[in-house]
PDB file of N, CA and C in Angstrom:
ATOM      1  N   MET A   1     102.168 116.617 101.408  1.00  0.00           N
ATOM      2  CA  MET A   1     102.539 115.949 102.062  1.00  0.00           C
ATOM      3  C   MET A   1     101.041 114.977 103.125  1.00  0.00           C
ATOM      4  N   ILE A   2     101.601 113.944 102.936  1.00  0.00           N
ATOM      5  CA  ILE A   2     100.448 112.656 103.165  1.00  0.00           C
ATOM      6  C   ILE A   2     100.222 113.054 104.962  1.00  0.00           C
ATOM      7  N   SER A   3      98.902 113.585 105.775  1.00  0.00           N
ATOM      8  CA  SER A   3      99.309 113.542 107.160  1.00  0.00           C
ATOM      9  C   SER A   3      98.298 112.200 107.161  1.00  0.00           C
ATOM     10  N   TYR A   4      98.459 111.251 108.758  1.00  0.00           N
ATOM     11  CA  TYR A   4      97.741 110.329 109.584  1.00  0.00           C
ATOM     12  C   TYR A   4      96.688 110.934 110.153  1.00  0.00           C
ATOM     13  N   LYS A   5      96.666 112.335 110.848  1.00  0.00           N
ATOM     14  CA  LYS A   5      96.111 112.782 112.046  1.00  0.00           C
ATOM     15  C   LYS A   5      94.915 112.565 111.988  1.00  0.00           C
ATOM     16  N   PRO A   6      94.063 112.763 110.495  1.00  0.00           N
ATOM     17  CA  PRO A   6      92.394 112.559 110.661  1.00  0.00           C
ATOM     18  C   PRO A   6      92.162 110.781 111.091  1.00  0.00           C
ATOM     19  N   PHE A   7      93.457 110.106 110.896  1.00  0.00           N
ATOM     20  CA  PHE A   7      93.402 108.794 111.009  1.00  0.00           C
ATOM     21  C   PHE A   7      92.827 108.164 112.983  1.00  0.00           C
ATOM     22  N   TYR A   8      93.896 108.876 113.757  1.00  0.00           N
ATOM     23  CA  TYR A   8      93.889 109.279 115.214  1.00  0.00           C
ATOM     24  C   TYR A   8      92.451 110.062 115.719  1.00  0.00           C
ATOM     25  N   GLU A   9      91.828 111.184 114.429  1.00  0.00           N
ATOM     26  CA  GLU A   9      91.344 111.545 115.299  1.00  0.00           C
ATOM     27  C   GLU A   9      89.726 110.414 115.244  1.00  0.00           C
ATOM     28  N   THR A  10      89.817 110.079 114.273  1.00  0.00           N
ATOM     29  CA  THR A  10      88.847 109.309 113.460  1.00  0.00           C
ATOM     30  C   THR A  10      88.861 108.170 114.627  1.00  0.00           C
ATOM     31  N   LEU A  11      89.810 107.271 114.893  1.00  0.00           N
ATOM     32  CA  LEU A  11      90.443 106.061 115.794  1.00  0.00           C
ATOM     33  C   LEU A  11      89.069 106.488 117.677  1.00  0.00           C
ATOM     34  N   PHE A  12      89.628 108.028 117.766  1.00  0.00           N
ATOM     35  CA  PHE A  12      89.180 108.730 119.450  1.00  0.00           C
ATOM     36  C   PHE A  12      87.770 109.192 119.295  1.00  0.00           C
ATOM     37  N   LYS A  13      87.622 109.091 118.620  1.00  0.00           N
ATOM     38  CA  LYS A  13      85.501 109.576 117.813  1.00  0.00           C
ATOM     39  C   LYS A  13      85.100 108.081 118.058  1.00  0.00           C
ATOM     40  N   LYS A  14      85.905 107.195 117.601  1.00  0.00           N
ATOM     41  CA  LYS A  14      84.649 106.058 117.744  1.00  0.00           C
ATOM     42  C   LYS A  14      84.875 105.753 119.026  1.00  0.00           C
ATOM     43  N   GLY A  15      86.116 105.259 119.784  1.00  0.00           N
ATOM     44  CA  GLY A  15      86.319 104.337 120.300  1.00  0.00           C
ATOM     45  C   GLY A  15      86.846 103.240 120.220  1.00  0.00           C
ATOM     46  N   ILE A  16      87.831 103.566 118.909  1.00  0.00           N
ATOM     47  CA  ILE A  16      89.003 101.945 118.881  1.00  0.00           C
ATOM     48  C   ILE A  16      90.291 102.439 118.553  1.00  0.00           C
ATOM     49  N   THR A  17      90.864 101.052 118.751  1.00  0.00           N
ATOM     50  CA  THR A  17      92.378 101.354 119.492  1.00  0.00           C
ATOM     51  C   THR A  17      92.919 100.393 118.240  1.00  0.00           C
ATOM     52  N   GLU A  18      94.437 100.707 117.920  1.00  0.00           N
ATOM     53  CA  GLU A  18      95.022 100.151 116.907  1.00  0.00           C
ATOM     54  C   GLU A  18      95.213  98.684 117.756  1.00  0.00           C
ATOM     55  N   TYR A  19      95.486  98.483 119.064  1.00  0.00           N
ATOM     56  CA  TYR A  19      95.353  97.096 119.547  1.00  0.00           C
ATOM     57  C   TYR A  19      94.157  96.048 119.279  1.00  0.00           C
ATOM     58  N   TYR A  20      92.774  96.541 118.794  1.00  0.00           N
ATOM     59  CA  TYR A  20      92.131  95.797 118.330  1.00  0.00           C
ATOM     60  C   TYR A  20      92.155  95.967 116.517  1.00  0.00           C
ATOM     61  N   LEU A  21      92.562  96.972 115.592  1.00  0.00           N
ATOM     62  CA  LEU A  21      92.603  97.179 114.631  1.00  0.00           C
ATOM     63  C   LEU A  21      93.372  95.313 113.738  1.00  0.00           C
ATOM     64  N   ILE A  22      94.800  95.049 115.400  1.00  0.00           N
ATOM     65  CA  ILE A  22      96.136  94.511 114.779  1.00  0.00           C
ATOM     66  C   ILE A  22      95.413  93.256 115.177  1.00  0.00           C
ATOM     67  N   PHE A  23      94.918  92.933 116.477  1.00  0.00           N
ATOM     68  CA  PHE A  23      94.330  92.104 116.912  1.00  0.00           C
ATOM     69  C   PHE A  23      93.000  91.599 116.725  1.00  0.00           C
ATOM     70  N   LYS A  24      91.887  92.264 116.372  1.00  0.00           N
ATOM     71  CA  LYS A  24      91.276  91.638 115.735  1.00  0.00           C
ATOM     72  C   LYS A  24      90.161  91.419 114.657  1.00  0.00           C
ATOM     73  N   GLN A  25      90.850  92.387 113.837  1.00  0.00           N
ATOM     74  CA  GLN A  25      91.002  92.604 112.417  1.00  0.00           C
ATOM     75  C   GLN A  25      91.471  92.187 111.197  1.00  0.00           C
ATOM     76  N   GLY A  26      92.486  92.135 111.647  1.00  0.00           N
ATOM     77  CA  GLY A  26      94.187  91.571 111.489  1.00  0.00           C
ATOM     78  C   GLY A  26      95.144  92.422 110.637  1.00  0.00           C
ATOM     79  N   PHE A  27      94.971  93.519 110.465  1.00  0.00           N
ATOM     80  CA  PHE A  27      95.935  94.212 110.793  1.00  0.00           C
ATOM     81  C   PHE A  27      96.933  94.030 110.853  1.00  0.00           C
ATOM     82  N   SER A  28      98.088  94.894 109.584  1.00  0.00           N
ATOM     83  CA  SER A  28      99.557  95.177 110.449  1.00  0.00           C
ATOM     84  C   SER A  28     100.002  95.963 111.179  1.00  0.00           C
ATOM     85  N   ALA A  29     101.300  95.725 112.004  1.00  0.00           N
ATOM     86  CA  ALA A  29     101.159  96.452 113.867  1.00  0.00           C
ATOM     87  C   ALA A  29     102.069  97.584 112.548  1.00  0.00           C
ATOM     88  N   ASN A  30     102.929  96.832 111.395  1.00  0.00           N
ATOM     89  CA  ASN A  30     103.590  97.746 110.599  1.00  0.00           C
ATOM     90  C   ASN A  30     103.008  98.952 109.878  1.00  0.00           C
ATOM     91  N   THR A  31     101.861  98.676 109.354  1.00  0.00           N
ATOM     92  CA  THR A  31     100.690  99.825 109.172  1.00  0.00           C
ATOM     93  C   THR A  31     100.881 100.971 109.755  1.00  0.00           C
ATOM     94  N   PHE A  32     100.503 100.570 110.928  1.00  0.00           N
ATOM     95  CA  PHE A  32     100.762 101.464 111.561  1.00  0.00           C
ATOM     96  C   PHE A  32     101.584 102.405 112.375  1.00  0.00           C
ATOM     97  N   HIS A  33     102.617 101.572 112.846  1.00  0.00           N
ATOM     98  CA  HIS A  33     104.685 102.411 112.221  1.00  0.00           C
ATOM     99  C   HIS A  33     104.855 102.693 111.115  1.00  0.00           C
ATOM    100  N   ARG A  34     103.897 102.983 110.270  1.00  0.00           N
ATOM    101  CA  ARG A  34     104.609 103.489 109.026  1.00  0.00           C
ATOM    102  C   ARG A  34     103.594 104.184 109.025  1.00  0.00           C
ATOM    103  N   MET A  35     102.365 104.940 109.154  1.00  0.00           N
ATOM    104  CA  MET A  35     102.032 105.936 109.502  1.00  0.00           C
ATOM    105  C   MET A  35     102.240 106.425 110.649  1.00  0.00           C
ATOM    106  N   LYS A  36     102.463 105.968 111.672  1.00  0.00           N
ATOM    107  CA  LYS A  36     103.723 107.373 112.697  1.00  0.00           C
ATOM    108  C   LYS A  36     104.546 108.117 112.844  1.00  0.00           C
ATOM    109  N   LYS A  37     104.646 107.172 111.494  1.00  0.00           N
ATOM    110  CA  LYS A  37     106.120 107.651 110.495  1.00  0.00           C
ATOM    111  C   LYS A  37     106.540 108.774 109.566  1.00  0.00           C
ATOM    112  N   GLY A  38     105.085 108.589 108.835  1.00  0.00           N
ATOM    113  CA  GLY A  38     104.409 109.567 108.319  1.00  0.00           C
ATOM    114  C   GLY A  38     104.898 109.447 106.544  1.00  0.00           C
ATOM    115  N   GLU A  39     105.054 107.552 106.564  1.00  0.00           N
ATOM    116  CA  GLU A  39     105.797 107.207 105.659  1.00  0.00           C
ATOM    117  C   GLU A  39     104.554 106.007 104.131  1.00  0.00           C
ATOM    118  N   ALA A  40     104.209 105.797 103.223  1.00  0.00           N
ATOM    119  CA  ALA A  40     103.090 105.223 103.122  1.00  0.00           C
ATOM    120  C   ALA A  40     103.159 104.333 103.122  1.00  0.00           C
ATOM    121  N   ILE A  41     100.954 104.669 102.991  1.00  0.00           N
ATOM    122  CA  ILE A  41     100.809 102.903 103.241  1.00  0.00           C
ATOM    123  C   ILE A  41     100.291 102.392 101.825  1.00  0.00           C
ATOM    124  N   SER A  42      99.640 101.776 101.129  1.00  0.00           N
ATOM    125  CA  SER A  42      99.233 101.423  99.973  1.00  0.00           C
ATOM    126  C   SER A  42      97.394 101.531  99.948  1.00  0.00           C
ATOM    127  N   THR A  43      97.054 101.972  98.630  1.00  0.00           N
ATOM    128  CA  THR A  43      95.475 102.395  98.608  1.00  0.00           C
ATOM    129  C   THR A  43      94.829 101.854  99.238  1.00  0.00           C
ATOM    130  N   LYS A  44      95.106  99.800  99.280  1.00  0.00           N
ATOM    131  CA  LYS A  44      94.275  99.212  99.679  1.00  0.00           C
ATOM    132  C   LYS A  44      94.186  99.112 101.481  1.00  0.00           C
ATOM    133  N   THR A  45      95.779  98.990 101.577  1.00  0.00           N
ATOM    134  CA  THR A  45      94.836  99.180 103.318  1.00  0.00           C
ATOM    135  C   THR A  45      94.106 100.254 103.089  1.00  0.00           C
ATOM    136  N   ILE A  46      93.982 101.771 102.886  1.00  0.00           N
ATOM    137  CA  ILE A  46      93.270 102.279 103.351  1.00  0.00           C
ATOM    138  C   ILE A  46      91.868 102.193 102.590  1.00  0.00           C
ATOM    139  N   ASP A  47      91.976 101.400 101.901  1.00  0.00           N
ATOM    140  CA  ASP A  47      90.891 100.942 101.700  1.00  0.00           C
ATOM    141  C   ASP A  47      89.747  99.787 102.184  1.00  0.00           C
ATOM    142  N   ALA A  48      90.715  99.060 102.717  1.00  0.00           N
ATOM    143  CA  ALA A  48      90.013  98.430 104.099  1.00  0.00           C
ATOM    144  C   ALA A  48      89.660  99.055 105.759  1.00  0.00           C
ATOM    145  N   LEU A  49      90.669  99.692 105.808  1.00  0.00           N
ATOM    146  CA  LEU A  49      90.326 101.020 107.020  1.00  0.00           C
ATOM    147  C   LEU A  49      89.427 101.537 107.171  1.00  0.00           C
ATOM    148  N   CYS A  50      88.853 102.106 105.588  1.00  0.00           N
ATOM    149  CA  CYS A  50      87.867 103.064 105.261  1.00  0.00           C
ATOM    150  C   CYS A  50      86.587 101.948 105.415  1.00  0.00           C
ATOM    151  N   TYR A  51      86.411 100.293 105.166  1.00  0.00           N
ATOM    152  CA  TYR A  51      85.274  99.382 105.442  1.00  0.00           C
ATOM    153  C   TYR A  51      85.428  99.582 107.028  1.00  0.00           C
ATOM    154  N   THR A  52      86.356  98.869 107.048  1.00  0.00           N
ATOM    155  CA  THR A  52      86.340  98.713 109.143  1.00  0.00           C
ATOM    156  C   THR A  52      85.513  99.456 109.652  1.00  0.00           C
ATOM    157  N   LEU A  53      86.430 100.789 110.382  1.00  0.00           N
ATOM    158  CA  LEU A  53      86.205 101.599 110.030  1.00  0.00           C
ATOM    159  C   LEU A  53      84.596 102.883 110.141  1.00  0.00           C
ATOM    160  N   ASP A  54      83.957 101.823 108.725  1.00  0.00           N
ATOM    161  CA  ASP A  54      82.896 102.689 108.439  1.00  0.00           C
ATOM    162  C   ASP A  54      83.154 104.283 108.098  1.00  0.00           C
ATOM    163  N   CYS A  55      84.136 104.564 107.684  1.00  0.00           N
ATOM    164  CA  CYS A  55      84.255 106.380 107.345  1.00  0.00           C
ATOM    165  C   CYS A  55      84.439 106.432 105.762  1.00  0.00           C
ATOM    166  N   GLU A  56      84.763 107.451 105.671  1.00  0.00           N
ATOM    167  CA  GLU A  56      85.263 108.190 103.871  1.00  0.00           C
ATOM    168  C   GLU A  56      86.760 108.338 104.178  1.00  0.00           C
ATOM    169  N   VAL A  57      87.724 108.391 103.271  1.00  0.00           N
ATOM    170  CA  VAL A  57      89.100 108.583 103.150  1.00  0.00           C
ATOM    171  C   VAL A  57      90.073 109.522 104.022  1.00  0.00           C
ATOM    172  N   SER A  58      89.034 110.657 103.286  1.00  0.00           N
ATOM    173  CA  SER A  58      89.079 112.064 104.114  1.00  0.00           C
ATOM    174  C   SER A  58      89.457 112.130 106.020  1.00  0.00           C
ATOM    175  N   ASP A  59      88.645 111.000 106.024  1.00  0.00           N
ATOM    176  CA  ASP A  59      88.826 110.464 107.843  1.00  0.00           C
ATOM    177  C   ASP A  59      89.758 109.787 108.171  1.00  0.00           C
ATOM    178  N   ILE A  60      90.507 109.344 107.557  1.00  0.00           N
ATOM    179  CA  ILE A  60      92.252 108.245 107.365  1.00  0.00           C
ATOM    180  C   ILE A  60      92.730 109.628 107.531  1.00  0.00           C
ATOM    181  N   ILE A  61      93.271 109.472 105.894  1.00  0.00           N
ATOM    182  CA  ILE A  61      94.488 110.822 105.508  1.00  0.00           C
ATOM    183  C   ILE A  61      93.799 112.448 104.725  1.00  0.00           C
ATOM    184  N   LYS A  62      95.116 113.246 104.974  1.00  0.00           N
ATOM    185  CA  LYS A  62      94.817 114.797 104.508  1.00  0.00           C
ATOM    186  C   LYS A  62      96.208 115.070 104.119  1.00  0.00           C
ATOM    187  N   PHE A  63      96.411 115.911 102.466  1.00  0.00           N
ATOM    188  CA  PHE A  63      97.215 116.570 101.898  1.00  0.00           C
ATOM    189  C   PHE A  63      97.537 117.608 102.539  1.00  0.00           C
ATOM    190  N   GLU A  64      98.338 118.395 103.132  1.00  0.00           N
ATOM    191  CA  GLU A  64      99.409 119.572 104.026  1.00  0.00           C
ATOM    192  C   GLU A  64     100.466 119.502 102.776  1.00  0.00           C
ATOM    193  N   LYS A  65     100.493 120.680 102.379  1.00  0.00           N
ATOM    194  CA  LYS A  65     101.670 121.298 102.337  1.00  0.00           C
ATOM    195  C   LYS A  65     102.879 122.109 102.620  1.00  0.00           C
ATOM    196  N   GLU A  66     103.150 121.406 102.477  1.00  0.00           N
ATOM    197  CA  GLU A  66     104.513 121.786 103.307  1.00  0.00           C
ATOM    198  C   GLU A  66     105.061 122.831 103.591  1.00  0.00           C
TER     199      GLU A  66
END
């Protein structure tokens, strides 16, 4: 199962909010809704998050065996 826990830890470390990503960077609120529910997001979105947050993919997602 893909976990987005590292994403929220990265946001906290960098002092960035979802509000900033939605209203200042143009990300869809639906993206974060899907992430909170553990649903899939596109690799394009992961790429954009990595670019915006200046981080690695492992700072956004991780795989956890169920």
